[in-house]
């Protein structure tokens, strides 16, 4: 398997994990970690680490958006 095929399969798996995660309300890591370990043969520690990095990135993006929208409103109402 060359790098293009591997990247395409990872992309399709990630898209499927995100789709199933959004339909069921579960995180995409529930799908992507078993996919990485069982199908692609990635060590479980690396698969969990990749899932953790994606959760942290998503959470930071959501938190920064929340802070940008709520803090100015809160500062205005508090004074």
Foldseek 3Di string as FASTA:
>chain_A
DDPVVVVVVLVVQQVVLVVVCVVVVHHSLVRQLCCCCVPVVDDSVVSVVVSVVVVVVVVVVVVVVCCVPVVVVCVVVVD
